[in-house]
């Protein structure tokens, strides 16, 4: 995995990158980690830093690892890894060994963050901010009704703003 300049992200269509291609959000350490597929999030500039923001429900297993560690990775894959991405989004790491099931190869970055060797692009990120969504804060209540009232558990997402410190290809 090669470290590359942050500016490479300017050549990516972030709407496709996150919304259509999806990403794996991975947190933990070399002894124990988990990954999950996400298609909600974004990239931008905040507090004079390059940042990503991700949305994770507290009941997701990966949430525990994000809470325990200061770092996480966001990784993106070529189309041939779509089945692996689907598995990581539909199975819980609590009862599925996602590494064995997908065939992905864990790779430890110099910061200790975890990604996978098969990633075409990895963002190594440091947590800066977290907040929990509140039902009372939704201005457009149809979003709350559509995405949260009929879902198992119905928990609202935690929102993390993370600084993109390194980019790998």
N, C-alpha and C. Protein backbone atom coordinates (compact mmCIF):
# COMPACT_ATOMS: atom_id res chain seq x y z
N UNK A 1 0.85 -1.17 0.00
CA UNK A 1 0.00 0.00 0.00
C UNK A 1 0.89 1.23 0.00
N UNK A 2 0.63 2.15 -0.90
CA UNK A 2 1.45 3.35 -1.03
C UNK A 2 0.71 4.58 -0.53
N UNK A 3 1.44 5.37 0.26
CA UNK A 3 0.90 6.64 0.72
C UNK A 3 0.89 7.60 -0.46
N UNK A 4 -0.22 8.31 -0.63
CA UNK A 4 -0.34 9.26 -1.73
C UNK A 4 -0.80 10.61 -1.21
N UNK A 5 -0.75 11.60 -2.05
CA UNK A 5 -1.16 12.94 -1.67
C UNK A 5 -2.68 13.05 -1.55
N UNK A 6 -3.12 13.82 -0.60
CA UNK A 6 -4.54 14.04 -0.34
C UNK A 6 -5.27 14.56 -1.58
N UNK A 7 -4.59 15.30 -2.40
CA UNK A 7 -5.21 15.92 -3.58
C UNK A 7 -5.83 14.90 -4.53
N UNK A 8 -5.42 13.64 -4.43
CA UNK A 8 -6.00 12.60 -5.29
C UNK A 8 -7.52 12.52 -5.10
N UNK A 9 -7.98 12.90 -3.91
CA UNK A 9 -9.42 12.85 -3.64
C UNK A 9 -10.18 13.83 -4.52
N UNK A 10 -9.51 14.87 -4.98
CA UNK A 10 -10.15 15.83 -5.88
C UNK A 10 -10.51 15.23 -7.22
N UNK A 11 -9.90 14.11 -7.57
CA UNK A 11 -10.20 13.43 -8.83
C UNK A 11 -11.32 12.42 -8.69
N UNK A 12 -11.76 12.18 -7.46
CA UNK A 12 -12.83 11.22 -7.20
C UNK A 12 -14.19 11.93 -7.18
N UNK A 13 -15.20 11.26 -7.66
CA UNK A 13 -16.57 11.74 -7.53
C UNK A 13 -17.08 11.21 -6.19
N UNK A 14 -17.07 12.07 -5.16
CA UNK A 14 -17.42 11.58 -3.82
C UNK A 14 -18.86 11.12 -3.71
N UNK A 15 -19.73 11.61 -4.57
CA UNK A 15 -21.11 11.12 -4.55
C UNK A 15 -21.16 9.66 -4.97
N UNK A 16 -20.40 9.32 -5.99
CA UNK A 16 -20.31 7.91 -6.41
C UNK A 16 -19.48 7.10 -5.44
N UNK A 17 -18.38 7.66 -5.00
CA UNK A 17 -17.46 6.97 -4.12
C UNK A 17 -18.17 6.43 -2.89
N UNK A 18 -18.98 7.24 -2.26
CA UNK A 18 -19.65 6.83 -1.03
C UNK A 18 -21.05 6.29 -1.30
N UNK A 19 -21.83 7.00 -2.07
CA UNK A 19 -23.23 6.63 -2.26
C UNK A 19 -23.46 5.43 -3.16
N UNK A 20 -22.64 5.26 -4.18
CA UNK A 20 -22.85 4.17 -5.14
C UNK A 20 -21.84 3.03 -4.95
N UNK A 21 -20.55 3.38 -4.79
CA UNK A 21 -19.53 2.34 -4.61
C UNK A 21 -19.54 1.78 -3.19
N UNK A 22 -19.95 2.58 -2.24
CA UNK A 22 -19.93 2.26 -0.81
C UNK A 22 -18.51 2.31 -0.27
N UNK A 23 -18.40 2.17 1.03
CA UNK A 23 -17.09 2.15 1.69
C UNK A 23 -17.15 1.18 2.86
N UNK A 24 -15.99 0.72 3.27
CA UNK A 24 -15.89 -0.03 4.51
C UNK A 24 -15.37 0.91 5.58
N UNK A 25 -16.05 0.94 6.71
CA UNK A 25 -15.61 1.68 7.88
C UNK A 25 -15.01 0.63 8.81
N UNK A 26 -13.73 0.79 9.13
CA UNK A 26 -13.03 -0.21 9.93
C UNK A 26 -12.40 0.46 11.13
N UNK A 27 -12.59 -0.15 12.29
CA UNK A 27 -12.00 0.39 13.51
C UNK A 27 -11.58 -0.77 14.41
N UNK A 28 -10.64 -0.49 15.29
CA UNK A 28 -10.13 -1.48 16.21
C UNK A 28 -8.62 -1.45 16.20
N UNK A 29 -8.02 -2.58 16.54
CA UNK A 29 -6.56 -2.70 16.55
C UNK A 29 -6.18 -4.07 16.01
N UNK A 30 -4.89 -4.35 15.95
CA UNK A 30 -4.45 -5.60 15.32
C UNK A 30 -4.96 -6.83 16.05
N UNK A 31 -5.26 -6.71 17.32
CA UNK A 31 -5.78 -7.85 18.07
C UNK A 31 -7.26 -8.10 17.78
N UNK A 32 -8.02 -7.03 17.62
CA UNK A 32 -9.46 -7.18 17.40
C UNK A 32 -10.00 -5.93 16.71
N UNK A 33 -10.72 -6.15 15.62
CA UNK A 33 -11.29 -5.05 14.87
C UNK A 33 -12.57 -5.53 14.21
N UNK A 34 -13.31 -4.59 13.67
CA UNK A 34 -14.49 -4.93 12.87
C UNK A 34 -14.63 -3.92 11.74
N UNK A 35 -15.33 -4.36 10.72
CA UNK A 35 -15.58 -3.51 9.57
C UNK A 35 -17.05 -3.60 9.19
N UNK A 36 -17.56 -2.55 8.61
CA UNK A 36 -18.94 -2.53 8.15
C UNK A 36 -19.03 -1.69 6.88
N UNK A 37 -20.01 -2.01 6.07
CA UNK A 37 -20.26 -1.24 4.86
C UNK A 37 -21.10 -0.02 5.19
N UNK A 38 -20.78 1.09 4.57
CA UNK A 38 -21.56 2.31 4.75
C UNK A 38 -21.73 2.99 3.40
N UNK A 39 -22.88 3.59 3.22
CA UNK A 39 -23.12 4.37 2.00
C UNK A 39 -23.63 5.76 2.32
N UNK A 40 -23.56 6.13 3.58
CA UNK A 40 -23.91 7.47 4.02
C UNK A 40 -22.66 8.12 4.57
N UNK A 41 -22.37 9.32 4.13
CA UNK A 41 -21.22 10.04 4.62
C UNK A 41 -20.81 11.09 3.62
N UNK A 42 -19.67 11.68 3.85
CA UNK A 42 -19.19 12.70 2.94
C UNK A 42 -17.76 13.08 3.24
N UNK A 43 -17.21 13.86 2.32
CA UNK A 43 -15.86 14.38 2.46
C UNK A 43 -15.93 15.89 2.29
N UNK A 44 -15.06 16.59 2.99
CA UNK A 44 -15.08 18.04 2.86
C UNK A 44 -13.97 18.70 3.63
N UNK A 45 -14.21 19.94 3.96
CA UNK A 45 -13.22 20.78 4.62
C UNK A 45 -13.89 21.44 5.81
N UNK A 46 -13.36 21.22 7.00
CA UNK A 46 -13.94 21.77 8.22
C UNK A 46 -12.82 22.04 9.20
N UNK A 47 -12.90 23.16 9.90
CA UNK A 47 -11.89 23.53 10.89
C UNK A 47 -10.49 23.56 10.27
N UNK A 48 -10.43 24.01 9.02
CA UNK A 48 -9.18 24.08 8.26
C UNK A 48 -8.48 22.73 8.15
N UNK A 49 -9.30 21.67 8.06
CA UNK A 49 -8.77 20.31 7.94
C UNK A 49 -9.56 19.56 6.88
N UNK A 50 -8.91 18.63 6.19
CA UNK A 50 -9.67 17.74 5.31
C UNK A 50 -10.38 16.71 6.20
N UNK A 51 -11.67 16.57 6.02
CA UNK A 51 -12.44 15.71 6.91
C UNK A 51 -13.37 14.78 6.12
N UNK A 52 -13.81 13.76 6.83
CA UNK A 52 -14.90 12.90 6.37
C UNK A 52 -15.91 12.91 7.50
N UNK A 53 -17.16 12.69 7.15
CA UNK A 53 -18.16 12.49 8.19
C UNK A 53 -18.90 11.21 7.88
N UNK A 54 -19.10 10.43 8.94
CA UNK A 54 -19.73 9.12 8.80
C UNK A 54 -20.84 8.99 9.82
N UNK A 55 -21.81 8.17 9.47
CA UNK A 55 -22.99 7.96 10.30
C UNK A 55 -23.03 6.49 10.71
N UNK A 56 -23.00 6.23 12.02
CA UNK A 56 -22.96 4.85 12.52
C UNK A 56 -24.03 4.70 13.60
N UNK A 57 -24.89 3.70 13.43
CA UNK A 57 -25.88 3.43 14.48
C UNK A 57 -25.19 2.79 15.69
N UNK A 58 -25.58 3.19 16.89
CA UNK A 58 -24.94 2.65 18.10
C UNK A 58 -25.08 1.14 18.25
N UNK A 59 -26.09 0.54 17.66
CA UNK A 59 -26.26 -0.91 17.81
C UNK A 59 -25.34 -1.72 16.89
N UNK A 60 -24.68 -1.04 15.96
CA UNK A 60 -23.76 -1.75 15.07
C UNK A 60 -22.50 -2.15 15.84
N UNK A 61 -22.01 -3.34 15.57
CA UNK A 61 -20.84 -3.86 16.26
C UNK A 61 -19.62 -2.96 16.05
N UNK A 62 -19.46 -2.43 14.87
CA UNK A 62 -18.32 -1.55 14.57
C UNK A 62 -18.32 -0.31 15.46
N UNK A 63 -19.50 0.13 15.88
CA UNK A 63 -19.61 1.31 16.75
C UNK A 63 -18.76 1.14 18.01
N UNK A 64 -18.77 -0.07 18.59
CA UNK A 64 -17.98 -0.33 19.80
C UNK A 64 -16.50 -0.05 19.56
N UNK A 65 -16.01 -0.47 18.41
CA UNK A 65 -14.60 -0.28 18.09
C UNK A 65 -14.28 1.18 17.80
N UNK A 66 -15.19 1.87 17.16
CA UNK A 66 -14.99 3.30 16.90
C UNK A 66 -14.92 4.06 18.23
N UNK A 67 -15.75 3.67 19.17
CA UNK A 67 -15.75 4.32 20.48
C UNK A 67 -14.45 4.06 21.25
N UNK A 68 -13.87 2.88 21.09
CA UNK A 68 -12.67 2.48 21.85
C UNK A 68 -11.38 3.07 21.31
N UNK A 69 -11.35 3.33 20.01
CA UNK A 69 -10.10 3.76 19.38
C UNK A 69 -10.20 5.22 18.91
N UNK A 70 -9.06 5.82 18.70
CA UNK A 70 -9.00 7.20 18.24
C UNK A 70 -9.00 7.30 16.71
N UNK A 71 -8.79 6.16 16.04
CA UNK A 71 -8.64 6.14 14.59
C UNK A 71 -9.64 5.19 13.96
N UNK A 72 -9.91 5.44 12.67
CA UNK A 72 -10.69 4.52 11.86
C UNK A 72 -10.26 4.72 10.42
N UNK A 73 -10.58 3.75 9.58
CA UNK A 73 -10.29 3.91 8.17
C UNK A 73 -11.58 3.83 7.37
N UNK A 74 -11.56 4.52 6.25
CA UNK A 74 -12.61 4.45 5.25
C UNK A 74 -11.92 3.91 4.01
N UNK A 75 -12.40 2.79 3.50
CA UNK A 75 -11.73 2.18 2.35
C UNK A 75 -12.72 1.90 1.24
N UNK A 76 -12.20 1.95 0.01
CA UNK A 76 -13.01 1.86 -1.20
C UNK A 76 -12.42 0.79 -2.11
N UNK A 77 -13.30 0.11 -2.86
CA UNK A 77 -12.90 -1.10 -3.58
C UNK A 77 -13.38 -1.10 -5.02
N UNK A 78 -12.68 -1.86 -5.85
CA UNK A 78 -13.06 -2.07 -7.24
C UNK A 78 -14.35 -2.90 -7.28
N UNK A 79 -15.08 -2.85 -8.40
CA UNK A 79 -16.37 -3.56 -8.50
C UNK A 79 -16.31 -5.06 -8.18
N UNK A 80 -15.19 -5.70 -8.42
CA UNK A 80 -15.12 -7.15 -8.15
C UNK A 80 -15.24 -7.49 -6.65
N UNK A 81 -15.19 -6.49 -5.79
CA UNK A 81 -15.33 -6.72 -4.35
C UNK A 81 -16.74 -6.39 -3.84
N UNK A 82 -17.67 -6.20 -4.75
CA UNK A 82 -19.04 -5.83 -4.37
C UNK A 82 -19.67 -6.87 -3.44
N UNK A 83 -19.47 -8.17 -3.70
CA UNK A 83 -20.05 -9.21 -2.83
C UNK A 83 -19.47 -9.13 -1.42
N UNK A 84 -18.19 -8.85 -1.33
CA UNK A 84 -17.56 -8.68 -0.01
C UNK A 84 -18.17 -7.49 0.71
N UNK A 85 -18.39 -6.42 -0.03
CA UNK A 85 -19.01 -5.22 0.55
C UNK A 85 -20.43 -5.53 1.03
N UNK A 86 -21.17 -6.28 0.25
CA UNK A 86 -22.54 -6.65 0.63
C UNK A 86 -22.53 -7.48 1.91
N UNK A 87 -21.62 -8.44 1.99
CA UNK A 87 -21.54 -9.27 3.19
C UNK A 87 -21.22 -8.42 4.42
N UNK A 88 -20.28 -7.50 4.27
CA UNK A 88 -19.90 -6.65 5.41
C UNK A 88 -21.01 -5.71 5.83
N UNK A 89 -22.00 -5.50 4.97
CA UNK A 89 -23.13 -4.65 5.30
C UNK A 89 -24.35 -5.41 5.79
N UNK A 90 -24.34 -6.73 5.63
CA UNK A 90 -25.53 -7.51 6.02
C UNK A 90 -25.27 -8.49 7.15
N UNK A 91 -24.03 -8.77 7.46
CA UNK A 91 -23.67 -9.69 8.53
C UNK A 91 -22.98 -8.93 9.65
N UNK A 92 -23.23 -9.34 10.87
CA UNK A 92 -22.59 -8.70 12.02
C UNK A 92 -21.29 -9.42 12.35
N UNK A 93 -20.28 -8.66 12.69
CA UNK A 93 -19.03 -9.22 13.15
C UNK A 93 -19.15 -9.91 14.50
N UNK A 94 -20.27 -9.72 15.17
CA UNK A 94 -20.49 -10.41 16.44
C UNK A 94 -20.59 -11.93 16.24
N UNK A 95 -21.16 -12.32 15.08
CA UNK A 95 -21.34 -13.75 14.85
C UNK A 95 -20.83 -14.23 13.49
N UNK A 96 -20.12 -13.38 12.76
CA UNK A 96 -19.54 -13.76 11.47
C UNK A 96 -18.10 -13.27 11.41
N UNK A 97 -17.20 -14.16 11.03
CA UNK A 97 -15.82 -13.76 10.79
C UNK A 97 -15.79 -13.17 9.38
N UNK A 98 -15.88 -11.85 9.30
CA UNK A 98 -15.97 -11.19 8.00
C UNK A 98 -14.71 -11.36 7.17
N UNK A 99 -13.56 -11.43 7.81
CA UNK A 99 -12.31 -11.62 7.07
C UNK A 99 -12.34 -12.98 6.38
N UNK A 100 -12.70 -14.01 7.11
CA UNK A 100 -12.77 -15.35 6.51
C UNK A 100 -13.86 -15.42 5.44
N UNK A 101 -14.99 -14.82 5.70
CA UNK A 101 -16.13 -14.91 4.78
C UNK A 101 -15.91 -14.14 3.49
N UNK A 102 -15.15 -13.04 3.55
CA UNK A 102 -14.93 -12.21 2.35
C UNK A 102 -13.63 -12.52 1.64
N UNK A 103 -12.66 -13.06 2.37
CA UNK A 103 -11.34 -13.27 1.80
C UNK A 103 -10.49 -12.02 1.78
N UNK A 104 -10.96 -10.94 2.39
CA UNK A 104 -10.17 -9.70 2.45
C UNK A 104 -8.97 -9.90 3.37
N UNK A 105 -7.88 -9.21 3.06
CA UNK A 105 -6.63 -9.36 3.80
C UNK A 105 -6.40 -8.14 4.68
N UNK A 106 -6.49 -8.28 6.02
CA UNK A 106 -6.24 -7.13 6.89
C UNK A 106 -4.83 -6.58 6.70
N UNK A 107 -4.73 -5.26 6.74
CA UNK A 107 -3.44 -4.58 6.59
C UNK A 107 -3.37 -3.51 7.68
N UNK A 108 -2.31 -3.54 8.46
CA UNK A 108 -2.14 -2.57 9.54
C UNK A 108 -1.31 -1.40 9.02
N UNK A 109 -1.86 -0.21 9.12
CA UNK A 109 -1.15 0.99 8.68
C UNK A 109 -0.14 1.41 9.75
N UNK A 110 0.76 2.31 9.41
CA UNK A 110 1.79 2.74 10.37
C UNK A 110 1.20 3.40 11.61
N UNK A 111 -0.01 3.91 11.52
CA UNK A 111 -0.67 4.51 12.69
C UNK A 111 -1.34 3.46 13.57
N UNK A 112 -1.38 2.22 13.10
CA UNK A 112 -2.06 1.16 13.83
C UNK A 112 -3.48 0.94 13.36
N UNK A 113 -3.98 1.83 12.51
CA UNK A 113 -5.34 1.67 11.97
C UNK A 113 -5.36 0.48 11.01
N UNK A 114 -6.53 -0.10 10.85
CA UNK A 114 -6.70 -1.31 10.04
C UNK A 114 -7.43 -0.98 8.74
N UNK A 115 -6.92 -1.51 7.65
CA UNK A 115 -7.60 -1.47 6.36
C UNK A 115 -7.43 -2.85 5.74
N UNK A 116 -7.67 -2.96 4.45
CA UNK A 116 -7.52 -4.24 3.76
C UNK A 116 -6.66 -4.04 2.52
N UNK A 117 -5.80 -5.01 2.26
CA UNK A 117 -4.85 -4.92 1.15
C UNK A 117 -5.55 -4.74 -0.19
N UNK A 118 -6.77 -5.22 -0.32
CA UNK A 118 -7.50 -5.15 -1.58
C UNK A 118 -8.10 -3.77 -1.87
N UNK A 119 -8.06 -2.88 -0.91
CA UNK A 119 -8.65 -1.54 -1.10
C UNK A 119 -7.93 -0.79 -2.21
N UNK A 120 -8.70 -0.13 -3.06
CA UNK A 120 -8.10 0.70 -4.10
C UNK A 120 -7.74 2.07 -3.54
N UNK A 121 -8.41 2.43 -2.43
CA UNK A 121 -8.20 3.73 -1.79
C UNK A 121 -8.56 3.60 -0.32
N UNK A 122 -7.68 4.07 0.56
CA UNK A 122 -7.94 4.05 2.00
C UNK A 122 -7.66 5.42 2.59
N UNK A 123 -8.59 5.89 3.40
CA UNK A 123 -8.41 7.13 4.15
C UNK A 123 -8.15 6.75 5.61
N UNK A 124 -7.00 7.13 6.13
CA UNK A 124 -6.64 6.87 7.52
C UNK A 124 -7.04 8.11 8.31
N UNK A 125 -7.97 7.95 9.23
CA UNK A 125 -8.63 9.09 9.87
C UNK A 125 -8.50 9.08 11.38
N UNK A 126 -8.50 10.29 11.94
CA UNK A 126 -8.47 10.50 13.39
C UNK A 126 -9.78 11.18 13.80
N UNK A 127 -10.41 10.64 14.84
CA UNK A 127 -11.68 11.21 15.30
C UNK A 127 -11.47 12.62 15.84
N UNK A 128 -12.38 13.53 15.45
CA UNK A 128 -12.35 14.90 15.94
C UNK A 128 -13.60 15.25 16.75
N UNK A 129 -14.75 14.70 16.35
CA UNK A 129 -16.02 15.15 16.91
C UNK A 129 -17.06 14.05 16.77
N UNK A 130 -17.94 13.99 17.73
CA UNK A 130 -19.07 13.05 17.69
C UNK A 130 -20.30 13.73 18.27
N UNK A 131 -21.41 13.46 17.65
CA UNK A 131 -22.68 13.88 18.21
C UNK A 131 -23.70 12.80 17.89
N UNK A 132 -24.76 12.77 18.66
CA UNK A 132 -25.84 11.81 18.42
C UNK A 132 -27.04 12.53 17.86
N UNK A 133 -27.60 11.99 16.79
CA UNK A 133 -28.81 12.58 16.21
C UNK A 133 -29.94 12.52 17.24
N UNK A 134 -30.76 13.54 17.23
CA UNK A 134 -31.92 13.62 18.11
C UNK A 134 -33.17 13.81 17.26
N UNK A 135 -34.22 13.07 17.55
CA UNK A 135 -35.46 13.16 16.77
C UNK A 135 -36.00 14.58 16.74
N UNK A 136 -35.84 15.29 17.83
CA UNK A 136 -36.37 16.66 17.91
C UNK A 136 -35.65 17.64 16.99
N UNK A 137 -34.47 17.27 16.51
CA UNK A 137 -33.67 18.17 15.67
C UNK A 137 -33.97 18.03 14.19
N UNK A 138 -34.79 17.06 13.79
CA UNK A 138 -35.12 16.90 12.38
C UNK A 138 -36.09 18.00 11.96
N UNK A 139 -35.69 18.79 11.01
CA UNK A 139 -36.56 19.83 10.46
C UNK A 139 -37.55 19.19 9.50
N UNK A 140 -37.05 18.32 8.64
CA UNK A 140 -37.90 17.59 7.70
C UNK A 140 -38.26 16.25 8.36
N UNK A 141 -39.41 16.18 8.98
CA UNK A 141 -39.82 14.99 9.74
C UNK A 141 -40.05 13.77 8.85
N UNK A 142 -40.21 13.98 7.52
CA UNK A 142 -40.40 12.83 6.64
C UNK A 142 -39.14 11.96 6.60
N UNK A 143 -37.97 12.56 6.81
CA UNK A 143 -36.72 11.78 6.85
C UNK A 143 -36.74 10.87 8.07
N UNK A 144 -37.13 11.41 9.19
CA UNK A 144 -37.22 10.63 10.43
C UNK A 144 -38.20 9.48 10.24
N UNK A 145 -39.35 9.76 9.67
CA UNK A 145 -40.36 8.73 9.44
C UNK A 145 -39.88 7.66 8.46
N UNK A 146 -39.22 8.08 7.39
CA UNK A 146 -38.77 7.13 6.37
C UNK A 146 -37.64 6.23 6.84
N UNK A 147 -36.66 6.80 7.52
CA UNK A 147 -35.43 6.07 7.80
C UNK A 147 -35.32 5.50 9.21
N UNK A 148 -36.21 5.90 10.11
CA UNK A 148 -36.00 5.46 11.49
C UNK A 148 -37.20 4.80 12.17
N UNK A 149 -38.40 5.13 11.83
CA UNK A 149 -39.53 4.61 12.61
C UNK A 149 -39.82 3.14 12.36
N UNK A 150 -39.56 2.62 11.17
CA UNK A 150 -39.86 1.22 10.88
C UNK A 150 -38.64 0.31 10.96
N UNK A 151 -37.50 0.83 11.35
CA UNK A 151 -36.28 0.04 11.39
C UNK A 151 -36.15 -0.70 12.72
N UNK A 152 -35.61 -1.92 12.69
CA UNK A 152 -35.39 -2.66 13.95
C UNK A 152 -34.54 -1.83 14.91
N UNK A 153 -34.99 -1.68 16.11
CA UNK A 153 -34.26 -0.89 17.09
C UNK A 153 -34.52 0.59 16.97
N UNK A 154 -34.67 1.06 15.74
CA UNK A 154 -35.01 2.46 15.49
C UNK A 154 -34.04 3.48 16.02
N UNK A 155 -32.82 3.06 16.35
CA UNK A 155 -31.87 4.01 16.92
C UNK A 155 -31.36 4.97 15.86
N UNK A 156 -31.20 6.21 16.25
CA UNK A 156 -30.66 7.22 15.35
C UNK A 156 -29.13 7.09 15.31
N UNK A 157 -28.55 7.56 14.25
CA UNK A 157 -27.10 7.46 14.06
C UNK A 157 -26.31 8.39 14.98
N UNK A 158 -25.10 7.96 15.28
CA UNK A 158 -24.09 8.87 15.80
C UNK A 158 -23.35 9.41 14.59
N UNK A 159 -22.99 10.68 14.63
CA UNK A 159 -22.27 11.32 13.54
C UNK A 159 -20.85 11.59 14.01
N UNK A 160 -19.90 11.10 13.24
CA UNK A 160 -18.48 11.32 13.54
C UNK A 160 -17.88 12.20 12.46
N UNK A 161 -17.13 13.20 12.89
CA UNK A 161 -16.31 13.99 11.98
C UNK A 161 -14.88 13.54 12.25
N UNK A 162 -14.20 13.10 11.20
CA UNK A 162 -12.84 12.58 11.34
C UNK A 162 -11.90 13.32 10.40
N UNK A 163 -10.71 13.58 10.88
CA UNK A 163 -9.71 14.21 10.03
C UNK A 163 -9.04 13.15 9.15
N UNK A 164 -8.94 13.44 7.86
CA UNK A 164 -8.23 12.55 6.95
C UNK A 164 -6.76 12.89 7.05
N UNK A 165 -5.99 12.03 7.72
CA UNK A 165 -4.58 12.34 7.93
C UNK A 165 -3.67 11.75 6.86
N UNK A 166 -4.03 10.59 6.34
CA UNK A 166 -3.23 9.95 5.30
C UNK A 166 -4.15 9.31 4.28
N UNK A 167 -3.69 9.23 3.04
CA UNK A 167 -4.43 8.56 1.98
C UNK A 167 -3.51 7.50 1.37
N UNK A 168 -4.04 6.31 1.16
CA UNK A 168 -3.25 5.20 0.60
C UNK A 168 -3.93 4.64 -0.63
N UNK A 169 -3.10 4.16 -1.56
CA UNK A 169 -3.60 3.51 -2.76
C UNK A 169 -2.87 2.19 -2.93
